[in-house]
């Protein structure tokens, strides 16, 4: 009998709630951009950022950059605030669903 050598599985929406993580990270990023000087309504900015994420692919590393460029608001300071807050928030939400057993 052969031993099991590896097990592969998908994290996103299988073991963790990827969509909640994405939404909360985008919400935090838009708030950080506004705090860093972005002149845009928070709800509008959030909706446009999420739209950009869907357009580029949910796991794109360039959504914040593209969002700012498409809205003629690119500023390295605003981008840095968005990326830092996005990553910080993402780390808070990358946790297993309640019924996932530890391995």
PDB file of N, CA and C in Angstrom:
ATOM      1  N   UNK A   1       0.841  -1.184   0.000  1.00  0.00           N
ATOM      2  CA  UNK A   1       0.000   0.000   0.000  1.00  0.00           C
ATOM      3  C   UNK A   1       0.887   1.249   0.000  1.00  0.00           C
ATOM      4  N   UNK A   2       0.595   2.160  -0.920  1.00  0.00           N
ATOM      5  CA  UNK A   2       1.380   3.387  -1.016  1.00  0.00           C
ATOM      6  C   UNK A   2       0.919   4.404   0.023  1.00  0.00           C
ATOM      7  N   UNK A   3       1.865   5.178   0.513  1.00  0.00           N
ATOM      8  CA  UNK A   3       1.548   6.256   1.447  1.00  0.00           C
ATOM      9  C   UNK A   3       1.062   7.469   0.680  1.00  0.00           C
ATOM     10  N   UNK A   4       0.202   8.240   1.294  1.00  0.00           N
ATOM     11  CA  UNK A   4      -0.220   9.520   0.713  1.00  0.00           C
ATOM     12  C   UNK A   4       0.955  10.475   0.895  1.00  0.00           C
ATOM     13  N   UNK A   5       1.404  11.064  -0.195  1.00  0.00           N
ATOM     14  CA  UNK A   5       2.571  11.936  -0.142  1.00  0.00           C
ATOM     15  C   UNK A   5       2.206  13.404  -0.121  1.00  0.00           C
ATOM     16  N   UNK A   6       1.027  13.734  -0.639  1.00  0.00           N
ATOM     17  CA  UNK A   6       0.626  15.139  -0.675  1.00  0.00           C
ATOM     18  C   UNK A   6      -0.886  15.229  -0.824  1.00  0.00           C
ATOM     19  N   UNK A   7      -1.430  16.316  -0.328  1.00  0.00           N
ATOM     20  CA  UNK A   7      -2.846  16.620  -0.496  1.00  0.00           C
ATOM     21  C   UNK A   7      -2.925  18.071  -0.971  1.00  0.00           C
ATOM     22  N   UNK A   8      -3.618  18.296  -2.065  1.00  0.00           N
ATOM     23  CA  UNK A   8      -3.803  19.641  -2.598  1.00  0.00           C
ATOM     24  C   UNK A   8      -5.263  20.050  -2.429  1.00  0.00           C
ATOM     25  N   UNK A   9      -5.471  21.301  -2.122  1.00  0.00           N
ATOM     26  CA  UNK A   9      -6.833  21.809  -1.991  1.00  0.00           C
ATOM     27  C   UNK A   9      -6.839  23.297  -2.283  1.00  0.00           C
ATOM     28  N   UNK A  10      -8.015  23.814  -2.504  1.00  0.00           N
ATOM     29  CA  UNK A  10      -8.204  25.227  -2.806  1.00  0.00           C
ATOM     30  C   UNK A  10      -8.634  25.950  -1.536  1.00  0.00           C
ATOM     31  N   UNK A  11      -7.966  27.021  -1.192  1.00  0.00           N
ATOM     32  CA  UNK A  11      -8.339  27.806  -0.015  1.00  0.00           C
ATOM     33  C   UNK A  11      -9.564  28.687  -0.255  1.00  0.00           C
ATOM     34  N   UNK A  12      -9.537  29.428  -1.362  1.00  0.00           N
ATOM     35  CA  UNK A  12     -10.529  30.473  -1.610  1.00  0.00           C
ATOM     36  C   UNK A  12     -11.941  29.912  -1.723  1.00  0.00           C
ATOM     37  N   UNK A  13     -12.775  30.312  -0.779  1.00  0.00           N
ATOM     38  CA  UNK A  13     -14.183  29.917  -0.673  1.00  0.00           C
ATOM     39  C   UNK A  13     -14.358  28.422  -0.450  1.00  0.00           C
ATOM     40  N   UNK A  14     -13.288  27.730  -0.130  1.00  0.00           N
ATOM     41  CA  UNK A  14     -13.362  26.326   0.260  1.00  0.00           C
ATOM     42  C   UNK A  14     -13.056  26.229   1.754  1.00  0.00           C
ATOM     43  N   UNK A  15     -11.923  26.772   2.135  1.00  0.00           N
ATOM     44  CA  UNK A  15     -11.535  26.767   3.548  1.00  0.00           C
ATOM     45  C   UNK A  15     -11.604  28.148   4.186  1.00  0.00           C
ATOM     46  N   UNK A  16     -11.499  29.184   3.375  1.00  0.00           N
ATOM     47  CA  UNK A  16     -11.624  30.569   3.875  1.00  0.00           C
ATOM     48  C   UNK A  16     -12.670  31.312   3.054  1.00  0.00           C
ATOM     49  N   UNK A  17     -13.245  32.341   3.650  1.00  0.00           N
ATOM     50  CA  UNK A  17     -14.243  33.166   2.955  1.00  0.00           C
ATOM     51  C   UNK A  17     -13.509  34.256   2.172  1.00  0.00           C
ATOM     52  N   UNK A  18     -13.102  33.906   0.960  1.00  0.00           N
ATOM     53  CA  UNK A  18     -12.329  34.816   0.114  1.00  0.00           C
ATOM     54  C   UNK A  18     -13.116  36.080  -0.207  1.00  0.00           C
ATOM     55  N   UNK A  19     -14.391  35.947  -0.497  1.00  0.00           N
ATOM     56  CA  UNK A  19     -15.185  37.110  -0.907  1.00  0.00           C
ATOM     57  C   UNK A  19     -15.332  38.118   0.233  1.00  0.00           C
ATOM     58  N   UNK A  20     -15.501  37.656   1.459  1.00  0.00           N
ATOM     59  CA  UNK A  20     -15.562  38.583   2.592  1.00  0.00           C
ATOM     60  C   UNK A  20     -14.215  39.280   2.764  1.00  0.00           C
ATOM     61  N   UNK A  21     -13.129  38.508   2.638  1.00  0.00           N
ATOM     62  CA  UNK A  21     -11.796  39.087   2.753  1.00  0.00           C
ATOM     63  C   UNK A  21     -11.597  40.165   1.695  1.00  0.00           C
ATOM     64  N   UNK A  22     -12.006  39.871   0.451  1.00  0.00           N
ATOM     65  CA  UNK A  22     -11.830  40.813  -0.651  1.00  0.00           C
ATOM     66  C   UNK A  22     -12.636  42.083  -0.400  1.00  0.00           C
ATOM     67  N   UNK A  23     -13.899  41.913   0.003  1.00  0.00           N
ATOM     68  CA  UNK A  23     -14.760  43.071   0.238  1.00  0.00           C
ATOM     69  C   UNK A  23     -14.224  43.953   1.369  1.00  0.00           C
ATOM     70  N   UNK A  24     -13.876  43.342   2.482  1.00  0.00           N
ATOM     71  CA  UNK A  24     -13.385  44.121   3.625  1.00  0.00           C
ATOM     72  C   UNK A  24     -12.043  44.781   3.320  1.00  0.00           C
ATOM     73  N   UNK A  25     -11.186  44.100   2.570  1.00  0.00           N
ATOM     74  CA  UNK A  25      -9.891  44.676   2.199  1.00  0.00           C
ATOM     75  C   UNK A  25     -10.064  45.861   1.252  1.00  0.00           C
ATOM     76  N   UNK A  26     -10.988  45.742   0.297  1.00  0.00           N
ATOM     77  CA  UNK A  26     -11.264  46.858  -0.628  1.00  0.00           C
ATOM     78  C   UNK A  26     -11.890  48.035   0.119  1.00  0.00           C
ATOM     79  N   UNK A  27     -12.779  47.740   1.052  1.00  0.00           N
ATOM     80  CA  UNK A  27     -13.404  48.812   1.836  1.00  0.00           C
ATOM     81  C   UNK A  27     -12.340  49.560   2.646  1.00  0.00           C
ATOM     82  N   UNK A  28     -11.458  48.815   3.283  1.00  0.00           N
ATOM     83  CA  UNK A  28     -10.383  49.436   4.073  1.00  0.00           C
ATOM     84  C   UNK A  28      -9.432  50.223   3.184  1.00  0.00           C
ATOM     85  N   UNK A  29      -9.127  49.688   1.999  1.00  0.00           N
ATOM     86  CA  UNK A  29      -8.228  50.381   1.072  1.00  0.00           C
ATOM     87  C   UNK A  29      -8.823  51.709   0.620  1.00  0.00           C
ATOM     88  N   UNK A  30     -10.121  51.727   0.324  1.00  0.00           N
ATOM     89  CA  UNK A  30     -10.732  52.990  -0.117  1.00  0.00           C
ATOM     90  C   UNK A  30     -10.748  54.008   1.012  1.00  0.00           C
ATOM     91  N   UNK A  31     -10.990  53.553   2.219  1.00  0.00           N
ATOM     92  CA  UNK A  31     -10.955  54.481   3.364  1.00  0.00           C
ATOM     93  C   UNK A  31      -9.545  55.041   3.557  1.00  0.00           C
ATOM     94  N   UNK A  32      -8.541  54.187   3.383  1.00  0.00           N
ATOM     95  CA  UNK A  32      -7.152  54.640   3.507  1.00  0.00           C
ATOM     96  C   UNK A  32      -6.791  55.635   2.411  1.00  0.00           C
ATOM     97  N   UNK A  33      -7.266  55.389   1.175  1.00  0.00           N
ATOM     98  CA  UNK A  33      -6.988  56.316   0.077  1.00  0.00           C
ATOM     99  C   UNK A  33      -7.607  57.681   0.360  1.00  0.00           C
ATOM    100  N   UNK A  34      -8.829  57.682   0.851  1.00  0.00           N
ATOM    101  CA  UNK A  34      -9.496  58.944   1.179  1.00  0.00           C
ATOM    102  C   UNK A  34      -8.741  59.653   2.302  1.00  0.00           C
ATOM    103  N   UNK A  35      -8.291  58.879   3.288  1.00  0.00           N
ATOM    104  CA  UNK A  35      -7.499  59.446   4.380  1.00  0.00           C
ATOM    105  C   UNK A  35      -6.175  60.029   3.905  1.00  0.00           C
ATOM    106  N   UNK A  36      -5.655  59.487   2.802  1.00  0.00           N
ATOM    107  CA  UNK A  36      -4.376  59.961   2.249  1.00  0.00           C
ATOM    108  C   UNK A  36      -4.554  61.071   1.224  1.00  0.00           C
ATOM    109  N   UNK A  37      -5.809  61.479   0.997  1.00  0.00           N
ATOM    110  CA  UNK A  37      -6.023  62.623   0.108  1.00  0.00           C
ATOM    111  C   UNK A  37      -6.871  62.387  -1.124  1.00  0.00           C
ATOM    112  N   UNK A  38      -7.370  61.186  -1.338  1.00  0.00           N
ATOM    113  CA  UNK A  38      -8.227  60.923  -2.496  1.00  0.00           C
ATOM    114  C   UNK A  38      -9.531  61.700  -2.348  1.00  0.00           C
ATOM    115  N   UNK A  39      -9.839  62.490  -3.354  1.00  0.00           N
ATOM    116  CA  UNK A  39     -11.070  63.285  -3.346  1.00  0.00           C
ATOM    117  C   UNK A  39     -12.155  62.515  -4.100  1.00  0.00           C
ATOM    118  N   UNK A  40     -12.841  61.637  -3.357  1.00  0.00           N
ATOM    119  CA  UNK A  40     -13.904  60.835  -3.950  1.00  0.00           C
ATOM    120  C   UNK A  40     -14.793  60.335  -2.814  1.00  0.00           C
ATOM    121  N   UNK A  41     -16.066  60.211  -3.094  1.00  0.00           N
ATOM    122  CA  UNK A  41     -17.002  59.658  -2.125  1.00  0.00           C
ATOM    123  C   UNK A  41     -16.592  58.223  -1.802  1.00  0.00           C
ATOM    124  N   UNK A  42     -16.657  57.830  -0.539  1.00  0.00           N
ATOM    125  CA  UNK A  42     -16.197  56.508  -0.122  1.00  0.00           C
ATOM    126  C   UNK A  42     -16.980  55.391  -0.801  1.00  0.00           C
ATOM    127  N   UNK A  43     -18.282  55.520  -0.877  1.00  0.00           N
ATOM    128  CA  UNK A  43     -19.100  54.476  -1.504  1.00  0.00           C
ATOM    129  C   UNK A  43     -18.778  54.350  -2.994  1.00  0.00           C
ATOM    130  N   UNK A  44     -18.630  55.485  -3.658  1.00  0.00           N
ATOM    131  CA  UNK A  44     -18.288  55.478  -5.079  1.00  0.00           C
ATOM    132  C   UNK A  44     -16.911  54.848  -5.295  1.00  0.00           C
ATOM    133  N   UNK A  45     -15.951  55.225  -4.457  1.00  0.00           N
ATOM    134  CA  UNK A  45     -14.597  54.685  -4.576  1.00  0.00           C
ATOM    135  C   UNK A  45     -14.605  53.177  -4.355  1.00  0.00           C
ATOM    136  N   UNK A  46     -15.326  52.715  -3.346  1.00  0.00           N
ATOM    137  CA  UNK A  46     -15.410  51.288  -3.065  1.00  0.00           C
ATOM    138  C   UNK A  46     -15.998  50.534  -4.258  1.00  0.00           C
ATOM    139  N   UNK A  47     -17.111  51.020  -4.777  1.00  0.00           N
ATOM    140  CA  UNK A  47     -17.761  50.360  -5.914  1.00  0.00           C
ATOM    141  C   UNK A  47     -16.853  50.308  -7.135  1.00  0.00           C
ATOM    142  N   UNK A  48     -16.154  51.407  -7.402  1.00  0.00           N
ATOM    143  CA  UNK A  48     -15.256  51.444  -8.559  1.00  0.00           C
ATOM    144  C   UNK A  48     -14.040  50.545  -8.357  1.00  0.00           C
ATOM    145  N   UNK A  49     -13.531  50.475  -7.139  1.00  0.00           N
ATOM    146  CA  UNK A  49     -12.391  49.596  -6.873  1.00  0.00           C
ATOM    147  C   UNK A  49     -12.796  48.133  -7.039  1.00  0.00           C
ATOM    148  N   UNK A  50     -13.942  47.767  -6.509  1.00  0.00           N
ATOM    149  CA  UNK A  50     -14.415  46.385  -6.655  1.00  0.00           C
ATOM    150  C   UNK A  50     -14.640  46.062  -8.130  1.00  0.00           C
ATOM    151  N   UNK A  51     -15.209  47.000  -8.871  1.00  0.00           N
ATOM    152  CA  UNK A  51     -15.410  46.816 -10.311  1.00  0.00           C
ATOM    153  C   UNK A  51     -14.074  46.579 -11.019  1.00  0.00           C
ATOM    154  N   UNK A  52     -13.071  47.336 -10.628  1.00  0.00           N
ATOM    155  CA  UNK A  52     -11.737  47.173 -11.206  1.00  0.00           C
ATOM    156  C   UNK A  52     -11.171  45.797 -10.858  1.00  0.00           C
ATOM    157  N   UNK A  53     -11.401  45.348  -9.631  1.00  0.00           N
ATOM    158  CA  UNK A  53     -10.935  44.018  -9.222  1.00  0.00           C
ATOM    159  C   UNK A  53     -11.548  42.933 -10.096  1.00  0.00           C
ATOM    160  N   UNK A  54     -12.840  43.033 -10.349  1.00  0.00           N
ATOM    161  CA  UNK A  54     -13.502  42.033 -11.197  1.00  0.00           C
ATOM    162  C   UNK A  54     -12.977  42.091 -12.632  1.00  0.00           C
ATOM    163  N   UNK A  55     -12.722  43.302 -13.103  1.00  0.00           N
ATOM    164  CA  UNK A  55     -12.250  43.479 -14.471  1.00  0.00           C
ATOM    165  C   UNK A  55     -10.843  42.887 -14.656  1.00  0.00           C
ATOM    166  N   UNK A  56      -9.969  43.102 -13.689  1.00  0.00           N
ATOM    167  CA  UNK A  56      -8.585  42.644 -13.797  1.00  0.00           C
ATOM    168  C   UNK A  56      -8.391  41.204 -13.315  1.00  0.00           C
ATOM    169  N   UNK A  57      -9.348  40.708 -12.568  1.00  0.00           N
ATOM    170  CA  UNK A  57      -9.212  39.395 -11.929  1.00  0.00           C
ATOM    171  C   UNK A  57      -9.119  39.606 -10.436  1.00  0.00           C
ATOM    172  N   UNK A  58      -9.879  38.848  -9.695  1.00  0.00           N
ATOM    173  CA  UNK A  58      -9.997  39.083  -8.251  1.00  0.00           C
ATOM    174  C   UNK A  58      -8.676  39.033  -7.497  1.00  0.00           C
ATOM    175  N   UNK A  59      -7.690  38.360  -8.045  1.00  0.00           N
ATOM    176  CA  UNK A  59      -6.417  38.247  -7.340  1.00  0.00           C
ATOM    177  C   UNK A  59      -5.322  39.110  -7.956  1.00  0.00           C
ATOM    178  N   UNK A  60      -5.711  40.074  -8.762  1.00  0.00           N
ATOM    179  CA  UNK A  60      -4.740  40.965  -9.396  1.00  0.00           C
ATOM    180  C   UNK A  60      -4.037  41.833  -8.355  1.00  0.00           C
ATOM    181  N   UNK A  61      -2.750  42.040  -8.561  1.00  0.00           N
ATOM    182  CA  UNK A  61      -1.972  42.912  -7.686  1.00  0.00           C
ATOM    183  C   UNK A  61      -2.010  44.374  -8.136  1.00  0.00           C
ATOM    184  N   UNK A  62      -2.720  44.651  -9.218  1.00  0.00           N
ATOM    185  CA  UNK A  62      -2.688  45.988  -9.804  1.00  0.00           C
ATOM    186  C   UNK A  62      -4.016  46.733  -9.736  1.00  0.00           C
ATOM    187  N   UNK A  63      -4.981  46.217  -8.979  1.00  0.00           N
ATOM    188  CA  UNK A  63      -6.319  46.819  -8.948  1.00  0.00           C
ATOM    189  C   UNK A  63      -6.288  48.253  -8.409  1.00  0.00           C
ATOM    190  N   UNK A  64      -5.569  48.494  -7.338  1.00  0.00           N
ATOM    191  CA  UNK A  64      -5.533  49.852  -6.765  1.00  0.00           C
ATOM    192  C   UNK A  64      -4.846  50.821  -7.717  1.00  0.00           C
ATOM    193  N   UNK A  65      -3.761  50.387  -8.322  1.00  0.00           N
ATOM    194  CA  UNK A  65      -3.058  51.227  -9.292  1.00  0.00           C
ATOM    195  C   UNK A  65      -3.972  51.573 -10.457  1.00  0.00           C
ATOM    196  N   UNK A  66      -4.616  50.551 -11.015  1.00  0.00           N
ATOM    197  CA  UNK A  66      -5.500  50.752 -12.162  1.00  0.00           C
ATOM    198  C   UNK A  66      -6.686  51.633 -11.798  1.00  0.00           C
ATOM    199  N   UNK A  67      -7.271  51.407 -10.624  1.00  0.00           N
ATOM    200  CA  UNK A  67      -8.396  52.219 -10.147  1.00  0.00           C
ATOM    201  C   UNK A  67      -8.003  53.700 -10.112  1.00  0.00           C
ATOM    202  N   UNK A  68      -6.852  53.996  -9.531  1.00  0.00           N
ATOM    203  CA  UNK A  68      -6.418  55.394  -9.432  1.00  0.00           C
ATOM    204  C   UNK A  68      -6.139  55.985 -10.812  1.00  0.00           C
ATOM    205  N   UNK A  69      -5.502  55.225 -11.687  1.00  0.00           N
ATOM    206  CA  UNK A  69      -5.200  55.722 -13.036  1.00  0.00           C
ATOM    207  C   UNK A  69      -6.479  55.972 -13.833  1.00  0.00           C
ATOM    208  N   UNK A  70      -7.426  55.032 -13.769  1.00  0.00           N
ATOM    209  CA  UNK A  70      -8.676  55.178 -14.523  1.00  0.00           C
ATOM    210  C   UNK A  70      -9.497  56.385 -14.078  1.00  0.00           C
ATOM    211  N   UNK A  71      -9.318  56.787 -12.829  1.00  0.00           N
ATOM    212  CA  UNK A  71     -10.067  57.918 -12.291  1.00  0.00           C
ATOM    213  C   UNK A  71      -9.225  59.190 -12.220  1.00  0.00           C
ATOM    214  N   UNK A  72      -8.082  59.189 -12.908  1.00  0.00           N
ATOM    215  CA  UNK A  72      -7.177  60.346 -12.937  1.00  0.00           C
ATOM    216  C   UNK A  72      -6.827  60.852 -11.537  1.00  0.00           C
ATOM    217  N   UNK A  73      -6.564  59.906 -10.632  1.00  0.00           N
ATOM    218  CA  UNK A  73      -6.273  60.251  -9.240  1.00  0.00           C
ATOM    219  C   UNK A  73      -4.956  59.643  -8.770  1.00  0.00           C
ATOM    220  N   UNK A  74      -4.117  59.181  -9.710  1.00  0.00           N
ATOM    221  CA  UNK A  74      -2.909  58.473  -9.290  1.00  0.00           C
ATOM    222  C   UNK A  74      -1.976  59.383  -8.509  1.00  0.00           C
ATOM    223  N   UNK A  75      -1.574  58.882  -7.346  1.00  0.00           N
ATOM    224  CA  UNK A  75      -0.618  59.555  -6.474  1.00  0.00           C
ATOM    225  C   UNK A  75       0.067  58.442  -5.689  1.00  0.00           C
ATOM    226  N   UNK A  76       1.389  58.359  -5.713  1.00  0.00           N
ATOM    227  CA  UNK A  76       2.087  57.277  -5.005  1.00  0.00           C
ATOM    228  C   UNK A  76       1.733  57.198  -3.516  1.00  0.00           C
ATOM    229  N   UNK A  77       1.509  58.350  -2.891  1.00  0.00           N
ATOM    230  CA  UNK A  77       1.158  58.378  -1.468  1.00  0.00           C
ATOM    231  C   UNK A  77      -0.204  57.708  -1.241  1.00  0.00           C
ATOM    232  N   UNK A  78      -1.161  57.994  -2.099  1.00  0.00           N
ATOM    233  CA  UNK A  78      -2.496  57.399  -1.985  1.00  0.00           C
ATOM    234  C   UNK A  78      -2.423  55.904  -2.278  1.00  0.00           C
ATOM    235  N   UNK A  79      -1.647  55.525  -3.293  1.00  0.00           N
ATOM    236  CA  UNK A  79      -1.489  54.110  -3.634  1.00  0.00           C
ATOM    237  C   UNK A  79      -0.853  53.350  -2.477  1.00  0.00           C
ATOM    238  N   UNK A  80       0.193  53.896  -1.881  1.00  0.00           N
ATOM    239  CA  UNK A  80       0.871  53.230  -0.763  1.00  0.00           C
ATOM    240  C   UNK A  80      -0.086  53.023   0.409  1.00  0.00           C
ATOM    241  N   UNK A  81      -0.897  54.038   0.703  1.00  0.00           N
ATOM    242  CA  UNK A  81      -1.871  53.912   1.793  1.00  0.00           C
ATOM    243  C   UNK A  81      -2.858  52.789   1.501  1.00  0.00           C
ATOM    244  N   UNK A  82      -3.310  52.696   0.250  1.00  0.00           N
ATOM    245  CA  UNK A  82      -4.268  51.659  -0.140  1.00  0.00           C
ATOM    246  C   UNK A  82      -3.659  50.267  -0.014  1.00  0.00           C
ATOM    247  N   UNK A  83      -2.465  50.095  -0.550  1.00  0.00           N
ATOM    248  CA  UNK A  83      -1.828  48.776  -0.531  1.00  0.00           C
ATOM    249  C   UNK A  83      -1.541  48.328   0.899  1.00  0.00           C
ATOM    250  N   UNK A  84      -1.013  49.222   1.709  1.00  0.00           N
ATOM    251  CA  UNK A  84      -0.711  48.861   3.103  1.00  0.00           C
ATOM    252  C   UNK A  84      -1.965  48.447   3.864  1.00  0.00           C
ATOM    253  N   UNK A  85      -3.023  49.226   3.719  1.00  0.00           N
ATOM    254  CA  UNK A  85      -4.257  48.915   4.449  1.00  0.00           C
ATOM    255  C   UNK A  85      -4.920  47.666   3.898  1.00  0.00           C
ATOM    256  N   UNK A  86      -4.874  47.483   2.578  1.00  0.00           N
ATOM    257  CA  UNK A  86      -5.441  46.285   1.959  1.00  0.00           C
ATOM    258  C   UNK A  86      -4.757  45.038   2.527  1.00  0.00           C
ATOM    259  N   UNK A  87      -3.422  45.026   2.531  1.00  0.00           N
ATOM    260  CA  UNK A  87      -2.671  43.866   3.016  1.00  0.00           C
ATOM    261  C   UNK A  87      -2.911  43.605   4.503  1.00  0.00           C
ATOM    262  N   UNK A  88      -2.967  44.678   5.268  1.00  0.00           N
ATOM    263  CA  UNK A  88      -3.215  44.551   6.707  1.00  0.00           C
ATOM    264  C   UNK A  88      -4.591  43.929   6.954  1.00  0.00           C
ATOM    265  N   UNK A  89      -5.585  44.416   6.245  1.00  0.00           N
ATOM    266  CA  UNK A  89      -6.951  43.920   6.417  1.00  0.00           C
ATOM    267  C   UNK A  89      -7.077  42.497   5.892  1.00  0.00           C
ATOM    268  N   UNK A  90      -6.456  42.225   4.775  1.00  0.00           N
ATOM    269  CA  UNK A  90      -6.483  40.881   4.201  1.00  0.00           C
ATOM    270  C   UNK A  90      -5.986  39.858   5.227  1.00  0.00           C
ATOM    271  N   UNK A  91      -4.903  40.170   5.907  1.00  0.00           N
ATOM    272  CA  UNK A  91      -4.345  39.254   6.910  1.00  0.00           C
ATOM    273  C   UNK A  91      -5.343  38.974   8.028  1.00  0.00           C
ATOM    274  N   UNK A  92      -6.171  39.954   8.357  1.00  0.00           N
ATOM    275  CA  UNK A  92      -7.182  39.767   9.410  1.00  0.00           C
ATOM    276  C   UNK A  92      -8.297  38.809   8.988  1.00  0.00           C
ATOM    277  N   UNK A  93      -8.525  38.684   7.688  1.00  0.00           N
ATOM    278  CA  UNK A  93      -9.644  37.877   7.192  1.00  0.00           C
ATOM    279  C   UNK A  93      -9.232  36.552   6.568  1.00  0.00           C
ATOM    280  N   UNK A  94      -7.962  36.265   6.473  1.00  0.00           N
ATOM    281  CA  UNK A  94      -7.523  34.970   5.954  1.00  0.00           C
ATOM    282  C   UNK A  94      -7.484  34.008   7.138  1.00  0.00           C
ATOM    283  N   UNK A  95      -8.656  33.480   7.426  1.00  0.00           N
ATOM    284  CA  UNK A  95      -8.796  32.505   8.502  1.00  0.00           C
ATOM    285  C   UNK A  95      -9.845  31.492   8.068  1.00  0.00           C
ATOM    286  N   UNK A  96      -9.746  30.279   8.566  1.00  0.00           N
ATOM    287  CA  UNK A  96     -10.662  29.235   8.104  1.00  0.00           C
ATOM    288  C   UNK A  96     -12.107  29.475   8.545  1.00  0.00           C
ATOM    289  N   UNK A  97     -13.013  28.921   7.741  1.00  0.00           N
ATOM    290  CA  UNK A  97     -14.420  28.906   8.151  1.00  0.00           C
ATOM    291  C   UNK A  97     -14.526  28.234   9.523  1.00  0.00           C
ATOM    292  N   UNK A  98     -15.593  28.482  10.199  1.00  0.00           N
ATOM    293  CA  UNK A  98     -15.802  28.009  11.574  1.00  0.00           C
ATOM    294  C   UNK A  98     -15.677  26.477  11.693  1.00  0.00           C
ATOM    295  N   UNK A  99     -16.176  25.724  10.735  1.00  0.00           N
ATOM    296  CA  UNK A  99     -16.199  24.266  10.869  1.00  0.00           C
ATOM    297  C   UNK A  99     -14.999  23.552  10.243  1.00  0.00           C
ATOM    298  N   UNK A 100     -13.992  24.314   9.817  1.00  0.00           N
ATOM    299  CA  UNK A 100     -12.797  23.704   9.229  1.00  0.00           C
ATOM    300  C   UNK A 100     -11.927  23.149  10.355  1.00  0.00           C
ATOM    301  N   UNK A 101     -11.535  21.901  10.206  1.00  0.00           N
ATOM    302  CA  UNK A 101     -10.698  21.265  11.211  1.00  0.00           C
ATOM    303  C   UNK A 101      -9.226  21.583  10.944  1.00  0.00           C
ATOM    304  N   UNK A 102      -8.487  21.785  11.991  1.00  0.00           N
ATOM    305  CA  UNK A 102      -7.045  22.022  11.871  1.00  0.00           C
ATOM    306  C   UNK A 102      -6.357  20.746  11.412  1.00  0.00           C
ATOM    307  N   UNK A 103      -5.336  20.921  10.588  1.00  0.00           N
ATOM    308  CA  UNK A 103      -4.557  19.768  10.144  1.00  0.00           C
ATOM    309  C   UNK A 103      -3.082  20.002  10.422  1.00  0.00           C
TER     310      UNK A 103
END
